[in-house]
Protein backbone atom coordinates (compact mmCIF):
# COMPACT_ATOMS: atom_id res chain seq x y z
CA MET A 1 -68.93 -11.85 8.62
CA ASN A 2 -65.38 -10.19 8.83
CA LYS A 3 -65.18 -6.64 6.63
CA PRO A 4 -62.46 -6.81 3.99
CA ILE A 5 -59.52 -4.64 4.81
CA GLN A 6 -59.79 -1.23 3.05
CA TYR A 7 -56.36 0.47 2.25
CA SER A 8 -56.59 4.29 1.64
CA ASP A 9 -54.38 5.94 -0.85
CA SER A 10 -52.13 7.72 1.65
CA GLN A 11 -51.37 4.00 2.58
CA ALA A 12 -51.03 2.65 -0.31
CA LEU A 13 -48.55 5.38 -0.67
CA PHE A 14 -46.53 5.00 2.43
CA GLY A 15 -46.22 1.34 1.25
CA ARG A 16 -44.38 2.44 -2.01
CA SER A 17 -42.45 4.87 -0.05
CA LEU A 18 -41.33 1.56 1.93
CA CYS A 19 -40.36 -0.30 -0.45
CA LEU A 20 -38.61 2.56 -2.91
CA ILE A 21 -36.46 3.13 0.02
CA VAL A 22 -35.16 -0.49 1.09
CA GLY A 23 -35.23 -1.25 -2.24
CA LEU A 24 -32.62 1.53 -3.59
CA ALA A 25 -30.78 0.28 0.04
CA CYS A 26 -30.58 -3.32 -1.62
CA LEU A 27 -29.14 -1.76 -5.08
CA LEU A 28 -26.71 0.51 -3.21
CA GLY A 29 -25.94 -2.34 -0.95
CA PHE A 30 -25.69 -4.52 -4.09
CA LEU A 31 -23.23 -2.43 -5.78
CA VAL A 32 -20.85 -1.70 -3.20
CA ASP A 33 -20.44 -5.04 -2.92
CA VAL A 34 -19.74 -5.51 -6.63
CA ALA A 35 -17.67 -2.28 -6.75
CA VAL A 36 -15.18 -4.34 -3.77
CA ILE A 37 -15.02 -7.48 -5.48
CA GLY A 38 -14.51 -6.26 -8.62
CA LEU A 39 -11.51 -4.24 -8.20
CA PRO A 40 -9.07 -3.82 -9.22
CA LEU A 41 -10.12 -4.91 -12.51
CA ASN A 42 -8.71 -7.76 -14.73
CA LEU A 43 -10.44 -8.78 -17.39
CA PHE A 44 -7.73 -10.62 -18.97
CA SER A 45 -7.51 -13.16 -15.76
CA LEU A 46 -9.17 -16.52 -16.02
CA GLU A 47 -9.20 -16.63 -12.35
CA TRP A 48 -10.55 -12.50 -11.72
CA ARG A 49 -13.93 -13.79 -14.14
CA VAL A 50 -14.19 -16.75 -12.23
CA ASN A 51 -14.34 -15.69 -9.32
CA PHE A 52 -15.89 -12.78 -10.24
CA CYS A 53 -19.26 -14.42 -11.62
CA GLN A 54 -18.79 -16.76 -9.14
CA GLN A 55 -19.35 -13.77 -6.39
CA LEU A 56 -21.47 -11.91 -8.47
CA GLY A 57 -23.96 -15.15 -9.08
CA ASP A 58 -24.35 -15.10 -4.86
CA ARG A 59 -24.92 -11.51 -4.31
CA SER A 60 -27.58 -10.96 -7.09
CA ILE A 61 -30.85 -12.14 -5.87
CA LEU A 62 -29.90 -9.15 -3.44
CA PHE A 63 -29.95 -6.65 -6.75
CA LEU A 64 -33.35 -8.72 -7.81
CA ALA A 65 -35.15 -8.25 -4.48
CA GLY A 66 -34.04 -4.21 -5.02
CA VAL A 67 -34.90 -4.08 -7.70
CA ALA A 68 -38.49 -5.98 -7.45
CA LEU A 69 -38.82 -3.23 -4.50
CA LEU A 70 -38.07 -0.60 -6.39
CA LEU A 71 -40.19 -1.39 -9.43
CA TYR A 72 -43.31 -1.47 -6.89
CA GLY A 73 -41.84 2.18 -5.43
CA VAL A 74 -42.34 3.77 -8.89
CA SER A 75 -45.06 2.06 -10.03
CA LYS A 76 -47.92 5.08 -10.36
CA LYS A 77 -45.08 7.03 -12.48
CA ARG A 78 -45.48 5.49 -16.13
CA GLU A 79 -42.14 6.57 -17.34
CA LEU A 80 -40.04 5.78 -14.28
CA THR A 81 -41.51 2.01 -14.70
CA LYS A 82 -41.29 1.72 -18.19
CA ARG A 83 -37.01 2.54 -18.44
CA LEU A 84 -36.89 0.65 -15.47
CA SER A 85 -38.61 -2.30 -16.65
CA ARG A 86 -37.03 -2.25 -19.99
CA THR A 87 -33.83 -1.74 -17.98
CA CYS A 88 -34.42 -4.79 -16.12
CA LEU A 89 -35.09 -6.48 -19.29
CA ILE A 90 -31.70 -5.88 -20.68
CA ILE A 91 -29.63 -6.46 -17.74
CA GLY A 92 -31.61 -10.08 -17.51
CA VAL A 93 -30.61 -11.09 -20.69
CA VAL A 94 -27.11 -9.75 -20.33
CA TYR A 95 -27.40 -12.15 -16.99
CA VAL A 96 -28.66 -15.05 -18.97
CA PHE A 97 -25.87 -14.71 -21.65
CA SER A 98 -23.16 -14.53 -18.66
CA SER A 99 -23.55 -17.66 -17.49
CA VAL A 100 -21.83 -18.90 -21.39
CA VAL A 101 -18.81 -17.35 -20.41
CA VAL A 102 -18.89 -19.10 -17.17
CA ILE A 103 -19.27 -22.31 -18.67
CA HIS A 104 -16.59 -21.92 -21.03
CA ASP A 105 -13.76 -20.26 -18.47
CA SER A 106 -14.75 -22.94 -16.13
CA ILE A 107 -13.90 -25.45 -18.63
CA THR A 108 -10.82 -23.23 -19.57
CA LEU A 109 -9.68 -22.92 -16.05
CA LYS A 110 -10.09 -26.99 -15.10
CA ASP A 111 -7.90 -28.17 -18.75
CA GLN A 112 -5.19 -25.24 -17.47
CA THR A 113 -5.14 -26.63 -14.01
CA PHE A 114 -5.07 -30.11 -14.66
CA ARG A 115 -2.14 -29.59 -17.23
CA GLU A 116 0.03 -27.34 -14.39
CA LEU A 117 -0.28 -30.49 -12.25
CA ASN A 118 0.64 -32.68 -14.72
CA GLU A 119 3.15 -30.23 -15.16
CA GLN A 120 4.65 -30.69 -11.88
CA LYS A 121 4.43 -34.48 -11.44
CA ARG A 122 6.17 -34.72 -14.52
CA GLU A 123 9.08 -32.19 -13.21
CA LEU A 124 8.98 -33.97 -9.78
CA GLN A 125 9.71 -37.70 -11.48
CA THR A 126 11.95 -36.06 -13.61
CA THR A 127 13.68 -34.78 -10.93
CA ILE A 128 13.91 -38.00 -9.02
CA LYS A 129 14.70 -40.11 -12.46
CA GLU A 130 17.90 -37.88 -13.12
CA SER A 131 18.86 -38.97 -9.57
CA GLN A 132 19.15 -42.28 -9.54
CA GLU A 133 20.51 -42.18 -13.06
CA SER A 134 23.15 -39.72 -11.89
CA GLY A 135 23.83 -41.82 -8.65
CA GLN A 136 22.86 -38.15 -6.08
CA LEU A 137 20.27 -39.82 -4.40
CA PRO A 138 21.20 -40.10 -0.67
CA SER A 139 22.83 -43.23 0.21
CA ASP A 140 20.35 -44.11 3.08
CA ILE A 141 17.63 -43.93 0.20
CA SER A 142 17.01 -47.73 -2.16
CA GLN A 143 16.12 -47.47 -5.72
CA SER A 144 13.01 -49.20 -5.00
CA GLU A 145 11.97 -46.65 -2.20
CA ALA A 146 12.74 -43.83 -4.87
CA GLU A 147 10.30 -45.47 -7.23
CA GLN A 148 8.23 -45.15 -4.20
CA VAL A 149 8.25 -42.00 -4.38
CA SER A 150 7.40 -41.23 -7.81
CA ASN A 151 4.57 -43.39 -7.58
CA SER A 152 3.41 -41.30 -4.72
CA ILE A 153 3.62 -38.12 -6.05
CA ALA A 154 1.83 -39.52 -9.75
CA ASP A 155 -1.18 -41.08 -6.79
CA ARG A 156 -1.48 -38.01 -5.17
CA ALA A 157 -1.24 -35.86 -8.35
CA GLU A 158 -4.54 -37.82 -9.42
CA VAL A 159 -6.02 -37.17 -6.26
CA ILE A 160 -5.47 -33.25 -6.43
CA ARG A 161 -6.36 -33.48 -10.14
CA ARG A 162 -9.19 -35.33 -8.87
CA ASP A 163 -10.32 -33.20 -6.06
CA ALA A 164 -9.83 -29.80 -8.14
CA GLY A 165 -11.89 -30.90 -11.17
CA ARG A 166 -14.70 -31.28 -8.96
CA ASP A 167 -14.11 -28.31 -7.14
CA ILE A 168 -14.29 -26.33 -10.56
CA VAL A 169 -17.11 -27.84 -11.62
CA LYS A 170 -19.16 -26.99 -8.39
CA VAL A 171 -18.59 -23.31 -8.32
CA ALA A 172 -19.34 -23.30 -11.99
CA VAL A 173 -23.08 -24.92 -11.81
CA ALA A 174 -23.42 -22.94 -8.59
CA SER A 175 -22.34 -19.87 -10.64
CA VAL A 176 -24.73 -21.00 -13.01
CA GLY A 177 -27.43 -21.88 -12.36
CA ASN A 178 -27.47 -18.14 -9.57
CA LEU A 179 -27.25 -16.14 -13.44
CA VAL A 180 -29.84 -17.96 -15.25
CA ALA A 181 -32.26 -17.41 -12.32
CA VAL A 182 -31.85 -14.07 -11.56
CA GLY A 183 -31.41 -13.01 -15.13
CA LEU A 184 -35.00 -15.05 -15.79
CA GLY A 185 -36.66 -13.33 -12.50
CA LEU A 186 -35.13 -10.07 -14.11
CA ILE A 187 -36.87 -10.63 -17.64
CA GLY A 188 -40.25 -11.64 -15.62
CA LEU A 189 -40.03 -7.79 -13.96
CA SER A 190 -39.34 -6.42 -17.15
CA ARG A 191 -43.10 -8.65 -18.52
CA VAL A 192 -44.57 -7.39 -15.08
CA GLY A 193 -43.84 -3.59 -14.90
CA LEU A 194 -44.76 -3.54 -19.02
CA ASN A 195 -47.87 -5.65 -18.75
CA ARG A 196 -49.19 -3.51 -15.99
CA LEU A 197 -48.08 -0.02 -18.03
CA SER A 198 -50.22 -1.75 -21.17
CA LYS A 199 -53.32 -1.69 -18.71
CA TYR A 200 -53.93 1.39 -18.07
């Protein structure tokens, strides 16, 4: 019959030290990524916010893993564990609520993209119509051909509009899913850390 493996204090300390080092490395890598994708800051740009939140969500699993390792690494230090657990709770709540901003910005970006596409379509069709009415069309282009071009522009604009709307929705769903998942994960880590303290 196999005997259960007994871990000494030195082995446990070694494991926590490894987790601490890897956790700090993960957090440092995450912060470097965030700095690169976030600079230069442009908080009032809708496109910047949507792009930043998407990439933040994509990279946040590294942040979650780093915090989990760090929390285990400092688990024998009550004060550090308490501070880190409370910080996890705050950041987790911020992550969850930031998903509301992503939803709002994505809807706004979708509407703005549709308006711009419709405006471009109207401008092109107006130009063609004015050219028809003023007789400025080249002689080798008939009225029916000009109407075909106008209809083709309308069809193409509708395809672009549909594709752009679908892409924006996909990005928004992925971003919201990542932000909420990481936020709930951080809140869960906070509860685990605080529960551990209550037992000692």
